[in-house]
Amino acid sequence: MTDQWKWAPVKRIKEVAEELKATIRTRYPDAKFKLSRAQDDREAWNLWTLVDIDDPDEVNDLIRDRELEMLTEEHIPLYVVPTRGKERFMVDLPAKIRKTG
């Protein structure tokens, strides 16, 4: 891995997660969030987002450009994973997160 492709430190991941949360809350103020490492890639992070809407992809429409910019320009592999309803939110979370979350 070259210096150009060093991934962001955890502190920076948390900062940009807060930025994405703020963006999402502008449209969905009751959204809930859980930040966790991706199970299949220890360098990547998921921002699990619980929203009470019919089409969770609307959340991705809000942040898609920023998410891509973070990955390509800032080397921050953080992905928003929108889900509907609390039951679905708990099913989608990795078991470790459900137990501690």
PDB file of N, CA and C in Angstrom:
ATOM      1  N   MET A   1       0.847  -1.176   0.000  1.00  0.00           N
ATOM      2  CA  MET A   1       0.000   0.000   0.000  1.00  0.00           C
ATOM      3  C   MET A   1       0.892   1.238   0.000  1.00  0.00           C
ATOM      4  N   THR A   2       0.641   2.160  -0.889  1.00  0.00           N
ATOM      5  CA  THR A   2       1.424   3.382  -0.927  1.00  0.00           C
ATOM      6  C   THR A   2       0.839   4.380   0.049  1.00  0.00           C
ATOM      7  N   ASP A   3       1.616   5.423   0.351  1.00  0.00           N
ATOM      8  CA  ASP A   3       1.128   6.474   1.255  1.00  0.00           C
ATOM      9  C   ASP A   3      -0.148   7.101   0.728  1.00  0.00           C
ATOM     10  N   GLN A   4      -0.287   7.158  -0.585  1.00  0.00           N
ATOM     11  CA  GLN A   4      -1.464   7.758  -1.203  1.00  0.00           C
ATOM     12  C   GLN A   4      -2.739   7.028  -0.776  1.00  0.00           C
ATOM     13  N   TRP A   5      -2.655   5.723  -0.496  1.00  0.00           N
ATOM     14  CA  TRP A   5      -3.845   4.943  -0.198  1.00  0.00           C
ATOM     15  C   TRP A   5      -3.964   4.535   1.266  1.00  0.00           C
ATOM     16  N   LYS A   6      -3.298   5.240   2.156  1.00  0.00           N
ATOM     17  CA  LYS A   6      -3.502   4.980   3.573  1.00  0.00           C
ATOM     18  C   LYS A   6      -4.918   5.396   3.941  1.00  0.00           C
ATOM     19  N   TRP A   7      -5.569   4.557   4.703  1.00  0.00           N
ATOM     20  CA  TRP A   7      -6.944   4.839   5.104  1.00  0.00           C
ATOM     21  C   TRP A   7      -6.970   5.803   6.280  1.00  0.00           C
ATOM     22  N   ALA A   8      -8.085   6.471   6.444  1.00  0.00           N
ATOM     23  CA  ALA A   8      -8.253   7.464   7.500  1.00  0.00           C
ATOM     24  C   ALA A   8      -8.240   6.795   8.883  1.00  0.00           C
ATOM     25  N   PRO A   9      -7.745   7.503   9.881  1.00  0.00           N
ATOM     26  CA  PRO A   9      -7.778   6.965  11.245  1.00  0.00           C
ATOM     27  C   PRO A   9      -9.215   6.938  11.783  1.00  0.00           C
ATOM     28  N   VAL A  10      -9.422   6.158  12.829  1.00  0.00           N
ATOM     29  CA  VAL A  10     -10.758   5.987  13.412  1.00  0.00           C
ATOM     30  C   VAL A  10     -11.356   7.335  13.817  1.00  0.00           C
ATOM     31  N   LYS A  11     -10.548   8.217  14.350  1.00  0.00           N
ATOM     32  CA  LYS A  11     -11.051   9.542  14.751  1.00  0.00           C
ATOM     33  C   LYS A  11     -11.692  10.255  13.563  1.00  0.00           C
ATOM     34  N   ARG A  12     -11.054  10.183  12.415  1.00  0.00           N
ATOM     35  CA  ARG A  12     -11.600  10.836  11.213  1.00  0.00           C
ATOM     36  C   ARG A  12     -12.871  10.126  10.750  1.00  0.00           C
ATOM     37  N   ILE A  13     -12.908   8.806  10.846  1.00  0.00           N
ATOM     38  CA  ILE A  13     -14.112   8.054  10.489  1.00  0.00           C
ATOM     39  C   ILE A  13     -15.289   8.551  11.317  1.00  0.00           C
ATOM     40  N   LYS A  14     -15.067   8.719  12.611  1.00  0.00           N
ATOM     41  CA  LYS A  14     -16.136   9.183  13.502  1.00  0.00           C
ATOM     42  C   LYS A  14     -16.568  10.601  13.157  1.00  0.00           C
ATOM     43  N   GLU A  15     -15.628  11.442  12.776  1.00  0.00           N
ATOM     44  CA  GLU A  15     -15.966  12.819  12.392  1.00  0.00           C
ATOM     45  C   GLU A  15     -16.856  12.848  11.150  1.00  0.00           C
ATOM     46  N   VAL A  16     -16.483  12.077  10.142  1.00  0.00           N
ATOM     47  CA  VAL A  16     -17.300  12.098   8.923  1.00  0.00           C
ATOM     48  C   VAL A  16     -18.625  11.370   9.127  1.00  0.00           C
ATOM     49  N   ALA A  17     -18.653  10.406  10.034  1.00  0.00           N
ATOM     50  CA  ALA A  17     -19.932   9.772  10.375  1.00  0.00           C
ATOM     51  C   ALA A  17     -20.874  10.819  10.957  1.00  0.00           C
ATOM     52  N   GLU A  18     -20.359  11.688  11.816  1.00  0.00           N
ATOM     53  CA  GLU A  18     -21.182  12.763  12.387  1.00  0.00           C
ATOM     54  C   GLU A  18     -21.657  13.725  11.298  1.00  0.00           C
ATOM     55  N   GLU A  19     -20.793  13.994  10.335  1.00  0.00           N
ATOM     56  CA  GLU A  19     -21.179  14.855   9.209  1.00  0.00           C
ATOM     57  C   GLU A  19     -22.337  14.229   8.429  1.00  0.00           C
ATOM     58  N   LEU A  20     -22.224  12.936   8.133  1.00  0.00           N
ATOM     59  CA  LEU A  20     -23.289  12.255   7.391  1.00  0.00           C
ATOM     60  C   LEU A  20     -24.578  12.184   8.213  1.00  0.00           C
ATOM     61  N   LYS A  21     -24.455  11.940   9.503  1.00  0.00           N
ATOM     62  CA  LYS A  21     -25.634  11.925  10.374  1.00  0.00           C
ATOM     63  C   LYS A  21     -26.353  13.268  10.315  1.00  0.00           C
ATOM     64  N   ALA A  22     -25.600  14.351  10.395  1.00  0.00           N
ATOM     65  CA  ALA A  22     -26.200  15.689  10.357  1.00  0.00           C
ATOM     66  C   ALA A  22     -26.933  15.920   9.037  1.00  0.00           C
ATOM     67  N   THR A  23     -26.332  15.482   7.950  1.00  0.00           N
ATOM     68  CA  THR A  23     -26.976  15.627   6.645  1.00  0.00           C
ATOM     69  C   THR A  23     -28.283  14.843   6.594  1.00  0.00           C
ATOM     70  N   ILE A  24     -28.248  13.630   7.072  1.00  0.00           N
ATOM     71  CA  ILE A  24     -29.445  12.786   7.061  1.00  0.00           C
ATOM     72  C   ILE A  24     -30.517  13.365   7.972  1.00  0.00           C
ATOM     73  N   ARG A  25     -30.119  13.878   9.129  1.00  0.00           N
ATOM     74  CA  ARG A  25     -31.097  14.435  10.072  1.00  0.00           C
ATOM     75  C   ARG A  25     -31.778  15.698   9.558  1.00  0.00           C
ATOM     76  N   THR A  26     -31.196  16.368   8.563  1.00  0.00           N
ATOM     77  CA  THR A  26     -31.872  17.544   8.017  1.00  0.00           C
ATOM     78  C   THR A  26     -33.211  17.157   7.399  1.00  0.00           C
ATOM     79  N   ARG A  27     -33.286  15.963   6.828  1.00  0.00           N
ATOM     80  CA  ARG A  27     -34.533  15.491   6.231  1.00  0.00           C
ATOM     81  C   ARG A  27     -35.267  14.499   7.127  1.00  0.00           C
ATOM     82  N   TYR A  28     -34.521  13.724   7.897  1.00  0.00           N
ATOM     83  CA  TYR A  28     -35.098  12.683   8.761  1.00  0.00           C
ATOM     84  C   TYR A  28     -34.596  12.888  10.188  1.00  0.00           C
ATOM     85  N   PRO A  29     -35.190  13.839  10.908  1.00  0.00           N
ATOM     86  CA  PRO A  29     -34.675  14.189  12.240  1.00  0.00           C
ATOM     87  C   PRO A  29     -34.750  13.061  13.269  1.00  0.00           C
ATOM     88  N   ASP A  30     -35.608  12.081  13.047  1.00  0.00           N
ATOM     89  CA  ASP A  30     -35.735  10.974  13.996  1.00  0.00           C
ATOM     90  C   ASP A  30     -34.862   9.774  13.648  1.00  0.00           C
ATOM     91  N   ALA A  31     -33.999   9.910  12.658  1.00  0.00           N
ATOM     92  CA  ALA A  31     -33.128   8.797  12.255  1.00  0.00           C
ATOM     93  C   ALA A  31     -32.242   8.372  13.425  1.00  0.00           C
ATOM     94  N   LYS A  32     -31.969   7.087  13.485  1.00  0.00           N
ATOM     95  CA  LYS A  32     -31.076   6.512  14.495  1.00  0.00           C
ATOM     96  C   LYS A  32     -29.876   5.909  13.767  1.00  0.00           C
ATOM     97  N   PHE A  33     -28.732   5.858  14.440  1.00  0.00           N
ATOM     98  CA  PHE A  33     -27.491   5.429  13.793  1.00  0.00           C
ATOM     99  C   PHE A  33     -26.687   4.489  14.667  1.00  0.00           C
ATOM    100  N   LYS A  34     -25.940   3.609  13.996  1.00  0.00           N
ATOM    101  CA  LYS A  34     -24.949   2.738  14.631  1.00  0.00           C
ATOM    102  C   LYS A  34     -23.750   2.684  13.682  1.00  0.00           C
ATOM    103  N   LEU A  35     -22.585   2.937  14.205  1.00  0.00           N
ATOM    104  CA  LEU A  35     -21.360   2.886  13.419  1.00  0.00           C
ATOM    105  C   LEU A  35     -20.618   1.607  13.770  1.00  0.00           C
ATOM    106  N   SER A  36     -20.226   0.843  12.746  1.00  0.00           N
ATOM    107  CA  SER A  36     -19.477  -0.394  12.992  1.00  0.00           C
ATOM    108  C   SER A  36     -18.550  -0.669  11.815  1.00  0.00           C
ATOM    109  N   ARG A  37     -17.532  -1.455  12.092  1.00  0.00           N
ATOM    110  CA  ARG A  37     -16.666  -1.916  11.001  1.00  0.00           C
ATOM    111  C   ARG A  37     -17.455  -2.884  10.138  1.00  0.00           C
ATOM    112  N   ALA A  38     -17.182  -2.877   8.847  1.00  0.00           N
ATOM    113  CA  ALA A  38     -17.816  -3.831   7.946  1.00  0.00           C
ATOM    114  C   ALA A  38     -17.303  -5.233   8.266  1.00  0.00           C
ATOM    115  N   GLN A  39     -18.165  -6.209   8.211  1.00  0.00           N
ATOM    116  CA  GLN A  39     -17.760  -7.574   8.539  1.00  0.00           C
ATOM    117  C   GLN A  39     -16.824  -8.168   7.496  1.00  0.00           C
ATOM    118  N   ASP A  40     -16.984  -7.775   6.242  1.00  0.00           N
ATOM    119  CA  ASP A  40     -16.214  -8.392   5.165  1.00  0.00           C
ATOM    120  C   ASP A  40     -14.950  -7.615   4.787  1.00  0.00           C
ATOM    121  N   ASP A  41     -14.728  -6.447   5.406  1.00  0.00           N
ATOM    122  CA  ASP A  41     -13.562  -5.634   5.077  1.00  0.00           C
ATOM    123  C   ASP A  41     -13.221  -4.794   6.307  1.00  0.00           C
ATOM    124  N   ARG A  42     -12.175  -5.152   7.008  1.00  0.00           N
ATOM    125  CA  ARG A  42     -11.830  -4.478   8.255  1.00  0.00           C
ATOM    126  C   ARG A  42     -11.399  -3.023   8.058  1.00  0.00           C
ATOM    127  N   GLU A  43     -11.126  -2.618   6.834  1.00  0.00           N
ATOM    128  CA  GLU A  43     -10.784  -1.221   6.571  1.00  0.00           C
ATOM    129  C   GLU A  43     -12.037  -0.373   6.373  1.00  0.00           C
ATOM    130  N   ALA A  44     -13.154  -1.008   6.056  1.00  0.00           N
ATOM    131  CA  ALA A  44     -14.393  -0.286   5.756  1.00  0.00           C
ATOM    132  C   ALA A  44     -15.285  -0.177   6.994  1.00  0.00           C
ATOM    133  N   TRP A  45     -16.133   0.828   6.971  1.00  0.00           N
ATOM    134  CA  TRP A  45     -17.067   1.089   8.062  1.00  0.00           C
ATOM    135  C   TRP A  45     -18.474   1.213   7.503  1.00  0.00           C
ATOM    136  N   ASN A  46     -19.466   0.817   8.306  1.00  0.00           N
ATOM    137  CA  ASN A  46     -20.874   0.984   7.955  1.00  0.00           C
ATOM    138  C   ASN A  46     -21.522   1.920   8.959  1.00  0.00           C
ATOM    139  N   LEU A  47     -22.302   2.844   8.438  1.00  0.00           N
ATOM    140  CA  LEU A  47     -23.129   3.691   9.282  1.00  0.00           C
ATOM    141  C   LEU A  47     -24.563   3.203   9.096  1.00  0.00           C
ATOM    142  N   TRP A  48     -24.976   2.279   9.972  1.00  0.00           N
ATOM    143  CA  TRP A  48     -26.316   1.721   9.922  1.00  0.00           C
ATOM    144  C   TRP A  48     -27.287   2.829  10.289  1.00  0.00           C
ATOM    145  N   THR A  49     -28.281   3.039   9.444  1.00  0.00           N
ATOM    146  CA  THR A  49     -29.193   4.174   9.600  1.00  0.00           C
ATOM    147  C   THR A  49     -30.628   3.688   9.611  1.00  0.00           C
ATOM    148  N   LEU A  50     -31.300   3.896  10.718  1.00  0.00           N
ATOM    149  CA  LEU A  50     -32.696   3.507  10.876  1.00  0.00           C
ATOM    150  C   LEU A  50     -33.569   4.716  10.549  1.00  0.00           C
ATOM    151  N   VAL A  51     -34.404   4.567   9.526  1.00  0.00           N
ATOM    152  CA  VAL A  51     -35.324   5.625   9.126  1.00  0.00           C
ATOM    153  C   VAL A  51     -36.710   5.027   8.940  1.00  0.00           C
ATOM    154  N   ASP A  52     -37.716   5.785   9.296  1.00  0.00           N
ATOM    155  CA  ASP A  52     -39.092   5.325   9.166  1.00  0.00           C
ATOM    156  C   ASP A  52     -39.694   5.897   7.879  1.00  0.00           C
ATOM    157  N   ILE A  53     -39.265   5.333   6.746  1.00  0.00           N
ATOM    158  CA  ILE A  53     -39.776   5.749   5.435  1.00  0.00           C
ATOM    159  C   ILE A  53     -39.977   4.499   4.593  1.00  0.00           C
ATOM    160  N   ASP A  54     -40.780   4.640   3.526  1.00  0.00           N
ATOM    161  CA  ASP A  54     -41.073   3.495   2.668  1.00  0.00           C
ATOM    162  C   ASP A  54     -39.875   3.063   1.833  1.00  0.00           C
ATOM    163  N   ASP A  55     -39.073   4.016   1.386  1.00  0.00           N
ATOM    164  CA  ASP A  55     -37.951   3.690   0.513  1.00  0.00           C
ATOM    165  C   ASP A  55     -36.637   4.171   1.136  1.00  0.00           C
ATOM    166  N   PRO A  56     -35.937   3.289   1.839  1.00  0.00           N
ATOM    167  CA  PRO A  56     -34.682   3.698   2.488  1.00  0.00           C
ATOM    168  C   PRO A  56     -33.629   4.222   1.505  1.00  0.00           C
ATOM    169  N   ASP A  57     -33.751   3.905   0.228  1.00  0.00           N
ATOM    170  CA  ASP A  57     -32.787   4.425  -0.742  1.00  0.00           C
ATOM    171  C   ASP A  57     -32.826   5.948  -0.838  1.00  0.00           C
ATOM    172  N   GLU A  58     -33.908   6.555  -0.360  1.00  0.00           N
ATOM    173  CA  GLU A  58     -33.968   8.025  -0.339  1.00  0.00           C
ATOM    174  C   GLU A  58     -32.845   8.593   0.529  1.00  0.00           C
ATOM    175  N   VAL A  59     -32.447   7.848   1.541  1.00  0.00           N
ATOM    176  CA  VAL A  59     -31.339   8.280   2.405  1.00  0.00           C
ATOM    177  C   VAL A  59     -30.058   8.332   1.581  1.00  0.00           C
ATOM    178  N   ASN A  60     -29.822   7.305   0.778  1.00  0.00           N
ATOM    179  CA  ASN A  60     -28.611   7.286  -0.052  1.00  0.00           C
ATOM    180  C   ASN A  60     -28.598   8.437  -1.045  1.00  0.00           C
ATOM    181  N   ASP A  61     -29.768   8.847  -1.514  1.00  0.00           N
ATOM    182  CA  ASP A  61     -29.825   9.981  -2.431  1.00  0.00           C
ATOM    183  C   ASP A  61     -29.271  11.246  -1.786  1.00  0.00           C
ATOM    184  N   LEU A  62     -29.433  11.373  -0.481  1.00  0.00           N
ATOM    185  CA  LEU A  62     -28.937  12.558   0.238  1.00  0.00           C
ATOM    186  C   LEU A  62     -27.418  12.589   0.357  1.00  0.00           C
ATOM    187  N   ILE A  63     -26.808  11.442   0.493  1.00  0.00           N
ATOM    188  CA  ILE A  63     -25.382  11.399   0.861  1.00  0.00           C
ATOM    189  C   ILE A  63     -24.485  10.765  -0.192  1.00  0.00           C
ATOM    190  N   ARG A  64     -25.063  10.252  -1.270  1.00  0.00           N
ATOM    191  CA  ARG A  64     -24.287   9.490  -2.262  1.00  0.00           C
ATOM    192  C   ARG A  64     -23.052  10.242  -2.760  1.00  0.00           C
ATOM    193  N   ASP A  65     -23.217  11.504  -3.145  1.00  0.00           N
ATOM    194  CA  ASP A  65     -22.082  12.265  -3.681  1.00  0.00           C
ATOM    195  C   ASP A  65     -20.987  12.452  -2.634  1.00  0.00           C
ATOM    196  N   ARG A  66     -21.394  12.756  -1.411  1.00  0.00           N
ATOM    197  CA  ARG A  66     -20.399  12.963  -0.350  1.00  0.00           C
ATOM    198  C   ARG A  66     -19.706  11.649   0.005  1.00  0.00           C
ATOM    199  N   GLU A  67     -20.469  10.580   0.040  1.00  0.00           N
ATOM    200  CA  GLU A  67     -19.898   9.263   0.333  1.00  0.00           C
ATOM    201  C   GLU A  67     -18.834   8.901  -0.707  1.00  0.00           C
ATOM    202  N   LEU A  68     -19.116   9.129  -1.968  1.00  0.00           N
ATOM    203  CA  LEU A  68     -18.161   8.842  -3.041  1.00  0.00           C
ATOM    204  C   LEU A  68     -16.939   9.757  -2.944  1.00  0.00           C
ATOM    205  N   GLU A  69     -17.166  11.015  -2.652  1.00  0.00           N
ATOM    206  CA  GLU A  69     -16.061  11.961  -2.494  1.00  0.00           C
ATOM    207  C   GLU A  69     -15.141  11.541  -1.345  1.00  0.00           C
ATOM    208  N   MET A  70     -15.739  11.121  -0.230  1.00  0.00           N
ATOM    209  CA  MET A  70     -14.931  10.682   0.908  1.00  0.00           C
ATOM    210  C   MET A  70     -14.063   9.493   0.523  1.00  0.00           C
ATOM    211  N   LEU A  71     -14.624   8.572  -0.214  1.00  0.00           N
ATOM    212  CA  LEU A  71     -13.868   7.377  -0.593  1.00  0.00           C
ATOM    213  C   LEU A  71     -12.765   7.702  -1.583  1.00  0.00           C
ATOM    214  N   THR A  72     -13.086   8.420  -2.643  1.00  0.00           N
ATOM    215  CA  THR A  72     -12.118   8.630  -3.723  1.00  0.00           C
ATOM    216  C   THR A  72     -11.094   9.714  -3.433  1.00  0.00           C
ATOM    217  N   GLU A  73     -11.499  10.775  -2.734  1.00  0.00           N
ATOM    218  CA  GLU A  73     -10.579  11.887  -2.508  1.00  0.00           C
ATOM    219  C   GLU A  73      -9.930  11.873  -1.124  1.00  0.00           C
ATOM    220  N   GLU A  74     -10.657  11.359  -0.119  1.00  0.00           N
ATOM    221  CA  GLU A  74     -10.144  11.391   1.245  1.00  0.00           C
ATOM    222  C   GLU A  74      -9.774  10.004   1.768  1.00  0.00           C
ATOM    223  N   HIS A  75     -10.048   8.978   0.974  1.00  0.00           N
ATOM    224  CA  HIS A  75      -9.736   7.589   1.346  1.00  0.00           C
ATOM    225  C   HIS A  75     -10.424   7.181   2.658  1.00  0.00           C
ATOM    226  N   ILE A  76     -11.698   7.529   2.745  1.00  0.00           N
ATOM    227  CA  ILE A  76     -12.500   7.189   3.915  1.00  0.00           C
ATOM    228  C   ILE A  76     -13.576   6.202   3.465  1.00  0.00           C
ATOM    229  N   PRO A  77     -13.393   4.911   3.770  1.00  0.00           N
ATOM    230  CA  PRO A  77     -14.350   3.888   3.341  1.00  0.00           C
ATOM    231  C   PRO A  77     -15.516   3.746   4.328  1.00  0.00           C
ATOM    232  N   LEU A  78     -16.427   4.717   4.271  1.00  0.00           N
ATOM    233  CA  LEU A  78     -17.589   4.737   5.161  1.00  0.00           C
ATOM    234  C   LEU A  78     -18.841   4.686   4.302  1.00  0.00           C
ATOM    235  N   TYR A  79     -19.699   3.712   4.580  1.00  0.00           N
ATOM    236  CA  TYR A  79     -20.880   3.492   3.766  1.00  0.00           C
ATOM    237  C   TYR A  79     -22.134   3.560   4.622  1.00  0.00           C
ATOM    238  N   VAL A  80     -23.103   4.345   4.174  1.00  0.00           N
ATOM    239  CA  VAL A  80     -24.384   4.427   4.861  1.00  0.00           C
ATOM    240  C   VAL A  80     -25.237   3.243   4.434  1.00  0.00           C
ATOM    241  N   VAL A  81     -25.815   2.554   5.433  1.00  0.00           N
ATOM    242  CA  VAL A  81     -26.670   1.395   5.173  1.00  0.00           C
ATOM    243  C   VAL A  81     -28.053   1.715   5.763  1.00  0.00           C
ATOM    244  N   PRO A  82     -28.961   2.244   4.937  1.00  0.00           N
ATOM    245  CA  PRO A  82     -30.280   2.586   5.462  1.00  0.00           C
ATOM    246  C   PRO A  82     -31.171   1.354   5.629  1.00  0.00           C
ATOM    247  N   THR A  83     -31.947   1.338   6.714  1.00  0.00           N
ATOM    248  CA  THR A  83     -32.893   0.256   6.972  1.00  0.00           C
ATOM    249  C   THR A  83     -34.204   0.862   7.458  1.00  0.00           C
ATOM    250  N   ARG A  84     -35.285   0.070   7.348  1.00  0.00           N
ATOM    251  CA  ARG A  84     -36.601   0.517   7.792  1.00  0.00           C
ATOM    252  C   ARG A  84     -37.025  -0.262   9.019  1.00  0.00           C
ATOM    253  N   GLY A  85     -37.644   0.424   9.925  1.00  0.00           N
ATOM    254  CA  GLY A  85     -38.239  -0.233  11.074  1.00  0.00           C
ATOM    255  C   GLY A  85     -37.222  -0.823  12.033  1.00  0.00           C
ATOM    256  N   LYS A  86     -37.511  -0.741  13.322  1.00  0.00           N
ATOM    257  CA  LYS A  86     -36.568  -1.200  14.344  1.00  0.00           C
ATOM    258  C   LYS A  86     -36.261  -2.685  14.224  1.00  0.00           C
ATOM    259  N   GLU A  87     -37.285  -3.498  13.938  1.00  0.00           N
ATOM    260  CA  GLU A  87     -37.046  -4.937  13.829  1.00  0.00           C
ATOM    261  C   GLU A  87     -36.047  -5.220  12.704  1.00  0.00           C
ATOM    262  N   ARG A  88     -36.235  -4.574  11.580  1.00  0.00           N
ATOM    263  CA  ARG A  88     -35.328  -4.773  10.444  1.00  0.00           C
ATOM    264  C   ARG A  88     -33.933  -4.241  10.771  1.00  0.00           C
ATOM    265  N   PHE A  89     -33.879  -3.126  11.465  1.00  0.00           N
ATOM    266  CA  PHE A  89     -32.611  -2.516  11.866  1.00  0.00           C
ATOM    267  C   PHE A  89     -31.805  -3.505  12.704  1.00  0.00           C
ATOM    268  N   MET A  90     -32.440  -4.150  13.652  1.00  0.00           N
ATOM    269  CA  MET A  90     -31.755  -5.101  14.517  1.00  0.00           C
ATOM    270  C   MET A  90     -31.332  -6.351  13.752  1.00  0.00           C
ATOM    271  N   VAL A  91     -32.118  -6.777  12.772  1.00  0.00           N
ATOM    272  CA  VAL A  91     -31.752  -7.942  11.962  1.00  0.00           C
ATOM    273  C   VAL A  91     -30.530  -7.629  11.106  1.00  0.00           C
ATOM    274  N   ASP A  92     -30.470  -6.433  10.541  1.00  0.00           N
ATOM    275  CA  ASP A  92     -29.376  -6.057   9.648  1.00  0.00           C
ATOM    276  C   ASP A  92     -28.047  -5.861  10.373  1.00  0.00           C
ATOM    277  N   LEU A  93     -28.099  -5.523  11.644  1.00  0.00           N
ATOM    278  CA  LEU A  93     -26.857  -5.284  12.367  1.00  0.00           C
ATOM    279  C   LEU A  93     -26.112  -6.584  12.621  1.00  0.00           C
ATOM    280  N   PRO A  94     -24.810  -6.540  12.542  1.00  0.00           N
ATOM    281  CA  PRO A  94     -24.035  -7.727  12.903  1.00  0.00           C
ATOM    282  C   PRO A  94     -24.353  -8.135  14.347  1.00  0.00           C
ATOM    283  N   ALA A  95     -24.277  -9.406  14.643  1.00  0.00           N
ATOM    284  CA  ALA A  95     -24.631  -9.931  15.961  1.00  0.00           C
ATOM    285  C   ALA A  95     -23.878  -9.219  17.079  1.00  0.00           C
ATOM    286  N   LYS A  96     -22.609  -8.942  16.892  1.00  0.00           N
ATOM    287  CA  LYS A  96     -21.804  -8.289  17.931  1.00  0.00           C
ATOM    288  C   LYS A  96     -22.393  -6.920  18.274  1.00  0.00           C
ATOM    289  N   ILE A  97     -22.845  -6.188  17.283  1.00  0.00           N
ATOM    290  CA  ILE A  97     -23.429  -4.870  17.506  1.00  0.00           C
ATOM    291  C   ILE A  97     -24.765  -5.006  18.222  1.00  0.00           C
ATOM    292  N   ARG A  98     -25.586  -5.980  17.803  1.00  0.00           N
ATOM    293  CA  ARG A  98     -26.899  -6.165  18.440  1.00  0.00           C
ATOM    294  C   ARG A  98     -26.727  -6.417  19.930  1.00  0.00           C
ATOM    295  N   LYS A  99     -25.717  -7.191  20.293  1.00  0.00           N
ATOM    296  CA  LYS A  99     -25.522  -7.538  21.702  1.00  0.00           C
ATOM    297  C   LYS A  99     -25.061  -6.336  22.524  1.00  0.00           C
ATOM    298  N   THR A 100     -24.279  -5.452  21.929  1.00  0.00           N
ATOM    299  CA  THR A 100     -23.714  -4.342  22.690  1.00  0.00           C
ATOM    300  C   THR A 100     -24.444  -3.046  22.421  1.00  0.00           C
ATOM    301  N   GLY A 101     -25.171  -2.968  21.299  1.00  0.00           N
ATOM    302  CA  GLY A 101     -25.751  -1.740  20.810  1.00  0.00           C
ATOM    303  C   GLY A 101     -26.804  -1.158  21.632  1.00  0.00           C
TER     304      GLY A 101
END
